[in-house]
All heavy atoms as atom14 arrays in JSON, in Angstrom:
{
  "sequence": "LVNNAGIGSWAPLVETTAGEMRRVWETNVLGAMLVAR",
  "atom14_mask": [
    [1, 1, 1, 1, 1, 1, 1, 1, 0, 0, 0, 0, 0, 0],
    [1, 1, 1, 1, 1, 1, 1, 0, 0, 0, 0, 0, 0, 0],
    [1, 1, 1, 1, 1, 1, 1, 1, 0, 0, 0, 0, 0, 0],
    [1, 1, 1, 1, 1, 1, 1, 1, 0, 0, 0, 0, 0, 0],
    [1, 1, 1, 1, 1, 0, 0, 0, 0, 0, 0, 0, 0, 0],
    [1, 1, 1, 1, 0, 0, 0, 0, 0, 0, 0, 0, 0, 0],
    [1, 1, 1, 1, 1, 1, 1, 1, 0, 0, 0, 0, 0, 0],
    [1, 1, 1, 1, 0, 0, 0, 0, 0, 0, 0, 0, 0, 0],
    [1, 1, 1, 1, 1, 1, 0, 0, 0, 0, 0, 0, 0, 0],
    [1, 1, 1, 1, 1, 1, 1, 1, 1, 1, 1, 1, 1, 1],
    [1, 1, 1, 1, 1, 0, 0, 0, 0, 0, 0, 0, 0, 0],
    [1, 1, 1, 1, 1, 1, 1, 0, 0, 0, 0, 0, 0, 0],
    [1, 1, 1, 1, 1, 1, 1, 1, 0, 0, 0, 0, 0, 0],
    [1, 1, 1, 1, 1, 1, 1, 0, 0, 0, 0, 0, 0, 0],
    [1, 1, 1, 1, 1, 1, 1, 1, 1, 0, 0, 0, 0, 0],
    [1, 1, 1, 1, 1, 1, 1, 0, 0, 0, 0, 0, 0, 0],
    [1, 1, 1, 1, 1, 1, 1, 0, 0, 0, 0, 0, 0, 0],
    [1, 1, 1, 1, 1, 0, 0, 0, 0, 0, 0, 0, 0, 0],
    [1, 1, 1, 1, 0, 0, 0, 0, 0, 0, 0, 0, 0, 0],
    [1, 1, 1, 1, 1, 1, 1, 1, 1, 0, 0, 0, 0, 0],
    [1, 1, 1, 1, 1, 1, 1, 1, 0, 0, 0, 0, 0, 0],
    [1, 1, 1, 1, 1, 1, 1, 1, 1, 1, 1, 0, 0, 0],
    [1, 1, 1, 1, 1, 1, 1, 1, 1, 1, 1, 0, 0, 0],
    [1, 1, 1, 1, 1, 1, 1, 0, 0, 0, 0, 0, 0, 0],
    [1, 1, 1, 1, 1, 1, 1, 1, 1, 1, 1, 1, 1, 1],
    [1, 1, 1, 1, 1, 1, 1, 1, 1, 0, 0, 0, 0, 0],
    [1, 1, 1, 1, 1, 1, 1, 0, 0, 0, 0, 0, 0, 0],
    [1, 1, 1, 1, 1, 1, 1, 1, 0, 0, 0, 0, 0, 0],
    [1, 1, 1, 1, 1, 1, 1, 0, 0, 0, 0, 0, 0, 0],
    [1, 1, 1, 1, 1, 1, 1, 1, 0, 0, 0, 0, 0, 0],
    [1, 1, 1, 1, 0, 0, 0, 0, 0, 0, 0, 0, 0, 0],
    [1, 1, 1, 1, 1, 0, 0, 0, 0, 0, 0, 0, 0, 0],
    [1, 1, 1, 1, 1, 1, 1, 1, 0, 0, 0, 0, 0, 0],
    [1, 1, 1, 1, 1, 1, 1, 1, 0, 0, 0, 0, 0, 0],
    [1, 1, 1, 1, 1, 1, 1, 0, 0, 0, 0, 0, 0, 0],
    [1, 1, 1, 1, 1, 0, 0, 0, 0, 0, 0, 0, 0, 0],
    [1, 1, 1, 1, 1, 1, 1, 1, 1, 1, 1, 0, 0, 0]
  ],
  "atom14_positions": [
    [[26.33, 82.85, -27.19], [26.88, 84.12, -27.67], [26.78, 84.14, -29.18], [27.24, 83.22, -29.85], [28.35, 84.26, -27.26], [29.14, 85.36, -28.0], [28.58, 86.74, -27.72], [30.62, 85.28, -27.67], [0.0, 0.0, 0.0], [0.0, 0.0, 0.0], [0.0, 0.0, 0.0], [0.0, 0.0, 0.0], [0.0, 0.0, 0.0], [0.0, 0.0, 0.0]],
    [[26.19, 85.21, -29.71], [26.25, 85.49, -31.15], [27.16, 86.7, -31.32], [26.79, 87.83, -31.01], [24.86, 85.75, -31.75], [24.99, 86.04, -33.26], [23.93, 84.55, -31.54], [0.0, 0.0, 0.0], [0.0, 0.0, 0.0], [0.0, 0.0, 0.0], [0.0, 0.0, 0.0], [0.0, 0.0, 0.0], [0.0, 0.0, 0.0], [0.0, 0.0, 0.0]],
    [[28.37, 86.44, -31.76], [29.42, 87.45, -31.9], [29.23, 88.13, -33.25], [29.81, 87.73, -34.26], [30.78, 86.75, -31.86], [31.7, 87.32, -30.81], [31.51, 88.43, -30.31], [32.72, 86.56, -30.47], [0.0, 0.0, 0.0], [0.0, 0.0, 0.0], [0.0, 0.0, 0.0], [0.0, 0.0, 0.0], [0.0, 0.0, 0.0], [0.0, 0.0, 0.0]],
    [[28.39, 89.17, -33.27], [28.0, 89.77, -34.54], [28.56, 91.18, -34.75], [28.62, 91.63, -35.88], [26.46, 89.81, -34.6], [25.95, 90.67, -35.73], [25.99, 90.28, -36.91], [25.47, 91.87, -35.4], [0.0, 0.0, 0.0], [0.0, 0.0, 0.0], [0.0, 0.0, 0.0], [0.0, 0.0, 0.0], [0.0, 0.0, 0.0], [0.0, 0.0, 0.0]],
    [[28.95, 91.87, -33.7], [29.39, 93.26, -33.84], [30.53, 93.37, -34.84], [31.49, 92.61, -34.79], [29.83, 93.82, -32.49], [0.0, 0.0, 0.0], [0.0, 0.0, 0.0], [0.0, 0.0, 0.0], [0.0, 0.0, 0.0], [0.0, 0.0, 0.0], [0.0, 0.0, 0.0], [0.0, 0.0, 0.0], [0.0, 0.0, 0.0], [0.0, 0.0, 0.0]],
    [[30.41, 94.31, -35.77], [31.46, 94.48, -36.75], [31.28, 95.77, -37.52], [30.17, 96.29, -37.64], [0.0, 0.0, 0.0], [0.0, 0.0, 0.0], [0.0, 0.0, 0.0], [0.0, 0.0, 0.0], [0.0, 0.0, 0.0], [0.0, 0.0, 0.0], [0.0, 0.0, 0.0], [0.0, 0.0, 0.0], [0.0, 0.0, 0.0], [0.0, 0.0, 0.0]],
    [[32.38, 96.3, -38.02], [32.35, 97.5, -38.84], [33.12, 97.22, -40.12], [33.93, 96.3, -40.2], [32.96, 98.71, -38.12], [34.4, 98.42, -37.68], [32.09, 99.1, -36.93], [35.08, 99.61, -37.04], [0.0, 0.0, 0.0], [0.0, 0.0, 0.0], [0.0, 0.0, 0.0], [0.0, 0.0, 0.0], [0.0, 0.0, 0.0], [0.0, 0.0, 0.0]],
    [[32.84, 98.02, -41.15], [33.48, 97.83, -42.44], [34.28, 99.05, -42.85], [34.0, 100.17, -42.41], [0.0, 0.0, 0.0], [0.0, 0.0, 0.0], [0.0, 0.0, 0.0], [0.0, 0.0, 0.0], [0.0, 0.0, 0.0], [0.0, 0.0, 0.0], [0.0, 0.0, 0.0], [0.0, 0.0, 0.0], [0.0, 0.0, 0.0], [0.0, 0.0, 0.0]],
    [[35.25, 98.82, -43.69], [36.06, 99.91, -44.24], [36.76, 99.38, -45.47], [37.32, 98.28, -45.44], [37.09, 100.39, -43.21], [37.91, 101.41, -43.75], [0.0, 0.0, 0.0], [0.0, 0.0, 0.0], [0.0, 0.0, 0.0], [0.0, 0.0, 0.0], [0.0, 0.0, 0.0], [0.0, 0.0, 0.0], [0.0, 0.0, 0.0], [0.0, 0.0, 0.0]],
    [[36.7, 100.14, -46.57], [37.33, 99.7, -47.82], [38.18, 100.82, -48.4], [37.76, 101.98, -48.45], [36.26, 99.28, -48.83], [35.67, 97.95, -48.54], [36.05, 96.74, -49.06], [34.59, 97.66, -47.65], [35.28, 95.74, -48.54], [34.37, 96.26, -47.67], [33.78, 98.43, -46.82], [33.39, 95.64, -46.91], [32.79, 97.82, -46.06], [32.61, 96.43, -46.11]],
    [[39.36, 100.46, -48.82], [40.27, 101.4, -49.48], [41.37, 100.63, -50.15], [41.73, 99.52, -49.71], [40.87, 102.37, -48.45], [0.0, 0.0, 0.0], [0.0, 0.0, 0.0], [0.0, 0.0, 0.0], [0.0, 0.0, 0.0], [0.0, 0.0, 0.0], [0.0, 0.0, 0.0], [0.0, 0.0, 0.0], [0.0, 0.0, 0.0], [0.0, 0.0, 0.0]],
    [[41.94, 101.17, -51.22], [43.11, 100.52, -51.82], [44.24, 100.43, -50.79], [44.33, 101.25, -49.86], [43.5, 101.47, -52.97], [42.27, 102.28, -53.23], [41.54, 102.4, -51.93], [0.0, 0.0, 0.0], [0.0, 0.0, 0.0], [0.0, 0.0, 0.0], [0.0, 0.0, 0.0], [0.0, 0.0, 0.0], [0.0, 0.0, 0.0], [0.0, 0.0, 0.0]],
    [[45.1, 99.46, -50.95], [46.23, 99.28, -50.04], [47.0, 100.58, -49.85], [47.33, 100.95, -48.72], [47.16, 98.2, -50.57], [48.51, 98.05, -49.87], [48.32, 97.69, -48.4], [49.39, 97.03, -50.58], [0.0, 0.0, 0.0], [0.0, 0.0, 0.0], [0.0, 0.0, 0.0], [0.0, 0.0, 0.0], [0.0, 0.0, 0.0], [0.0, 0.0, 0.0]],
    [[47.31, 101.29, -50.96], [48.16, 102.48, -50.85], [47.47, 103.64, -50.13], [48.12, 104.62, -49.78], [48.65, 102.93, -52.25], [49.54, 101.86, -52.86], [47.46, 103.25, -53.16], [0.0, 0.0, 0.0], [0.0, 0.0, 0.0], [0.0, 0.0, 0.0], [0.0, 0.0, 0.0], [0.0, 0.0, 0.0], [0.0, 0.0, 0.0], [0.0, 0.0, 0.0]],
    [[46.14, 103.51, -49.9], [45.4, 104.55, -49.18], [44.95, 104.09, -47.79], [44.3, 104.85, -47.06], [44.19, 104.98, -50.0], [44.55, 105.63, -51.34], [43.33, 105.91, -52.19], [42.2, 105.87, -51.67], [43.52, 106.17, -53.41], [0.0, 0.0, 0.0], [0.0, 0.0, 0.0], [0.0, 0.0, 0.0], [0.0, 0.0, 0.0], [0.0, 0.0, 0.0]],
    [[45.23, 102.87, -47.41], [44.81, 102.34, -46.11], [45.71, 102.9, -45.02], [46.93, 102.78, -45.09], [44.87, 100.8, -46.1], [44.0, 100.3, -47.12], [44.46, 100.25, -44.75], [0.0, 0.0, 0.0], [0.0, 0.0, 0.0], [0.0, 0.0, 0.0], [0.0, 0.0, 0.0], [0.0, 0.0, 0.0], [0.0, 0.0, 0.0], [0.0, 0.0, 0.0]],
    [[45.07, 103.52, -44.02], [45.85, 104.13, -42.94], [45.98, 103.17, -41.76], [45.14, 102.28, -41.56], [45.18, 105.41, -42.44], [43.91, 105.09, -41.84], [44.94, 106.4, -43.59], [0.0, 0.0, 0.0], [0.0, 0.0, 0.0], [0.0, 0.0, 0.0], [0.0, 0.0, 0.0], [0.0, 0.0, 0.0], [0.0, 0.0, 0.0], [0.0, 0.0, 0.0]],
    [[47.01, 103.39, -40.97], [47.2, 102.58, -39.76], [46.02, 102.78, -38.81], [45.55, 101.82, -38.19], [48.51, 102.96, -39.08], [0.0, 0.0, 0.0], [0.0, 0.0, 0.0], [0.0, 0.0, 0.0], [0.0, 0.0, 0.0], [0.0, 0.0, 0.0], [0.0, 0.0, 0.0], [0.0, 0.0, 0.0], [0.0, 0.0, 0.0], [0.0, 0.0, 0.0]],
    [[45.53, 104.01, -38.71], [44.41, 104.28, -37.82], [43.15, 103.53, -38.21], [42.44, 103.0, -37.36], [0.0, 0.0, 0.0], [0.0, 0.0, 0.0], [0.0, 0.0, 0.0], [0.0, 0.0, 0.0], [0.0, 0.0, 0.0], [0.0, 0.0, 0.0], [0.0, 0.0, 0.0], [0.0, 0.0, 0.0], [0.0, 0.0, 0.0], [0.0, 0.0, 0.0]],
    [[42.86, 103.49, -39.51], [41.67, 102.79, -39.97], [41.82, 101.28, -39.79], [40.88, 100.58, -39.43], [41.38, 103.13, -41.43], [40.03, 102.69, -41.93], [38.85, 103.37, -41.23], [39.06, 104.25, -40.36], [37.71, 102.99, -41.54], [0.0, 0.0, 0.0], [0.0, 0.0, 0.0], [0.0, 0.0, 0.0], [0.0, 0.0, 0.0], [0.0, 0.0, 0.0]],
    [[43.02, 100.76, -40.05], [43.28, 99.33, -39.84], [43.04, 98.98, -38.37], [42.38, 97.98, -38.06], [44.72, 99.02, -40.24], [45.02, 97.54, -40.33], [44.45, 96.85, -41.89], [45.13, 95.18, -41.76], [0.0, 0.0, 0.0], [0.0, 0.0, 0.0], [0.0, 0.0, 0.0], [0.0, 0.0, 0.0], [0.0, 0.0, 0.0], [0.0, 0.0, 0.0]],
    [[43.55, 99.79, -37.46], [43.36, 99.53, -36.03], [41.88, 99.61, -35.65], [41.39, 98.8, -34.86], [44.15, 100.54, -35.2], [45.65, 100.35, -35.24], [46.35, 101.21, -34.2], [47.79, 101.15, -34.36], [48.51, 102.06, -35.0], [47.91, 103.13, -35.53], [49.81, 101.93, -35.1], [0.0, 0.0, 0.0], [0.0, 0.0, 0.0], [0.0, 0.0, 0.0]],
    [[41.17, 100.61, -36.19], [39.76, 100.78, -35.85], [38.95, 99.55, -36.21], [38.13, 99.06, -35.42], [39.2, 102.01, -36.58], [37.76, 102.39, -36.18], [37.3, 103.6, -36.96], [36.95, 103.28, -38.32], [35.72, 102.95, -38.72], [34.72, 102.89, -37.85], [35.48, 102.69, -40.0], [0.0, 0.0, 0.0], [0.0, 0.0, 0.0], [0.0, 0.0, 0.0]],
    [[39.16, 99.01, -37.4], [38.42, 97.83, -37.84], [38.81, 96.61, -37.01], [37.95, 95.86, -36.54], [38.65, 97.58, -39.35], [38.04, 96.24, -39.77], [38.06, 98.72, -40.16], [0.0, 0.0, 0.0], [0.0, 0.0, 0.0], [0.0, 0.0, 0.0], [0.0, 0.0, 0.0], [0.0, 0.0, 0.0], [0.0, 0.0, 0.0], [0.0, 0.0, 0.0]],
    [[40.09, 96.4, -36.82], [40.54, 95.22, -36.08], [40.15, 95.27, -34.6], [39.88, 94.24, -33.99], [42.06, 95.06, -36.23], [42.39, 94.25, -37.44], [42.14, 94.57, -38.74], [42.99, 92.95, -37.46], [42.55, 93.56, -39.58], [43.08, 92.56, -38.82], [43.49, 92.09, -36.49], [43.63, 91.34, -39.21], [44.03, 90.88, -36.88], [44.1, 90.51, -38.22]],
    [[40.09, 96.47, -34.02], [39.71, 96.55, -32.6], [38.28, 96.08, -32.37], [37.98, 95.47, -31.34], [39.9, 97.98, -32.09], [41.35, 98.31, -31.81], [41.55, 99.73, -31.33], [40.56, 100.49, -31.25], [42.71, 100.09, -31.03], [0.0, 0.0, 0.0], [0.0, 0.0, 0.0], [0.0, 0.0, 0.0], [0.0, 0.0, 0.0], [0.0, 0.0, 0.0]],
    [[37.39, 96.35, -33.32], [36.01, 95.86, -33.19], [35.88, 94.42, -33.69], [35.39, 93.54, -32.98], [35.04, 96.77, -33.97], [35.01, 98.06, -33.34], [33.63, 96.2, -33.95], [0.0, 0.0, 0.0], [0.0, 0.0, 0.0], [0.0, 0.0, 0.0], [0.0, 0.0, 0.0], [0.0, 0.0, 0.0], [0.0, 0.0, 0.0], [0.0, 0.0, 0.0]],
    [[36.32, 94.17, -34.91], [36.03, 92.9, -35.57], [36.84, 91.72, -35.03], [36.38, 90.57, -35.09], [36.26, 93.02, -37.06], [35.32, 94.0, -37.74], [34.57, 94.71, -37.08], [35.38, 94.07, -39.05], [0.0, 0.0, 0.0], [0.0, 0.0, 0.0], [0.0, 0.0, 0.0], [0.0, 0.0, 0.0], [0.0, 0.0, 0.0], [0.0, 0.0, 0.0]],
    [[38.04, 91.99, -34.53], [38.92, 90.91, -34.07], [39.1, 90.96, -32.55], [38.71, 90.03, -31.84], [40.28, 90.97, -34.79], [41.16, 89.8, -34.35], [40.09, 90.92, -36.3], [0.0, 0.0, 0.0], [0.0, 0.0, 0.0], [0.0, 0.0, 0.0], [0.0, 0.0, 0.0], [0.0, 0.0, 0.0], [0.0, 0.0, 0.0], [0.0, 0.0, 0.0]],
    [[39.67, 92.05, -32.04], [39.84, 92.17, -30.59], [38.5, 92.1, -29.87], [38.36, 91.38, -28.87], [40.56, 93.48, -30.25], [40.71, 93.78, -28.76], [41.57, 92.73, -28.06], [41.28, 95.18, -28.55], [0.0, 0.0, 0.0], [0.0, 0.0, 0.0], [0.0, 0.0, 0.0], [0.0, 0.0, 0.0], [0.0, 0.0, 0.0], [0.0, 0.0, 0.0]],
    [[37.5, 92.82, -30.37], [36.19, 92.81, -29.72], [35.57, 91.43, -29.68], [35.04, 91.0, -28.66], [0.0, 0.0, 0.0], [0.0, 0.0, 0.0], [0.0, 0.0, 0.0], [0.0, 0.0, 0.0], [0.0, 0.0, 0.0], [0.0, 0.0, 0.0], [0.0, 0.0, 0.0], [0.0, 0.0, 0.0], [0.0, 0.0, 0.0], [0.0, 0.0, 0.0]],
    [[35.66, 90.71, -30.81], [35.12, 89.34, -30.84], [35.84, 88.46, -29.84], [35.22, 87.64, -29.16], [35.24, 88.77, -32.25], [0.0, 0.0, 0.0], [0.0, 0.0, 0.0], [0.0, 0.0, 0.0], [0.0, 0.0, 0.0], [0.0, 0.0, 0.0], [0.0, 0.0, 0.0], [0.0, 0.0, 0.0], [0.0, 0.0, 0.0], [0.0, 0.0, 0.0]],
    [[37.17, 88.62, -29.74], [37.92, 87.82, -28.79], [37.54, 88.13, -27.36], [37.34, 87.22, -26.53], [39.43, 88.04, -28.99], [40.32, 87.17, -28.11], [40.51, 87.74, -26.38], [41.53, 89.2, -26.62], [0.0, 0.0, 0.0], [0.0, 0.0, 0.0], [0.0, 0.0, 0.0], [0.0, 0.0, 0.0], [0.0, 0.0, 0.0], [0.0, 0.0, 0.0]],
    [[37.42, 89.42, -27.01], [37.12, 89.79, -25.64], [35.76, 89.24, -25.19], [35.62, 88.72, -24.07], [37.14, 91.31, -25.48], [38.51, 91.98, -25.59], [38.35, 93.51, -25.58], [39.45, 91.54, -24.47], [0.0, 0.0, 0.0], [0.0, 0.0, 0.0], [0.0, 0.0, 0.0], [0.0, 0.0, 0.0], [0.0, 0.0, 0.0], [0.0, 0.0, 0.0]],
    [[34.75, 89.35, -26.06], [33.42, 88.85, -25.69], [33.42, 87.33, -25.62], [32.83, 86.74, -24.7], [32.34, 89.37, -26.66], [30.96, 88.89, -26.2], [32.35, 90.89, -26.75], [0.0, 0.0, 0.0], [0.0, 0.0, 0.0], [0.0, 0.0, 0.0], [0.0, 0.0, 0.0], [0.0, 0.0, 0.0], [0.0, 0.0, 0.0], [0.0, 0.0, 0.0]],
    [[34.09, 86.68, -26.56], [34.17, 85.21, -26.53], [34.92, 84.74, -25.29], [34.53, 83.74, -24.66], [34.84, 84.7, -27.79], [0.0, 0.0, 0.0], [0.0, 0.0, 0.0], [0.0, 0.0, 0.0], [0.0, 0.0, 0.0], [0.0, 0.0, 0.0], [0.0, 0.0, 0.0], [0.0, 0.0, 0.0], [0.0, 0.0, 0.0], [0.0, 0.0, 0.0]],
    [[35.98, 85.42, -24.93], [36.76, 85.02, -23.76], [35.93, 85.1, -22.48], [35.89, 84.14, -21.68], [38.01, 85.89, -23.63], [38.96, 85.46, -22.53], [40.1, 86.44, -22.36], [39.66, 87.74, -21.87], [40.47, 88.79, -21.67], [41.77, 88.67, -21.96], [40.0, 89.93, -21.22], [0.0, 0.0, 0.0], [0.0, 0.0, 0.0], [0.0, 0.0, 0.0]]
  ]
}
């Protein structure tokens, strides 16, 4: 398995939204875990 799927997003802390944080983590972290599992 080459766990490569990922997306990027950049913003200052005071402009980072909960939705964008979830979107990035769902692919980069949860997605990596699901495929590895």
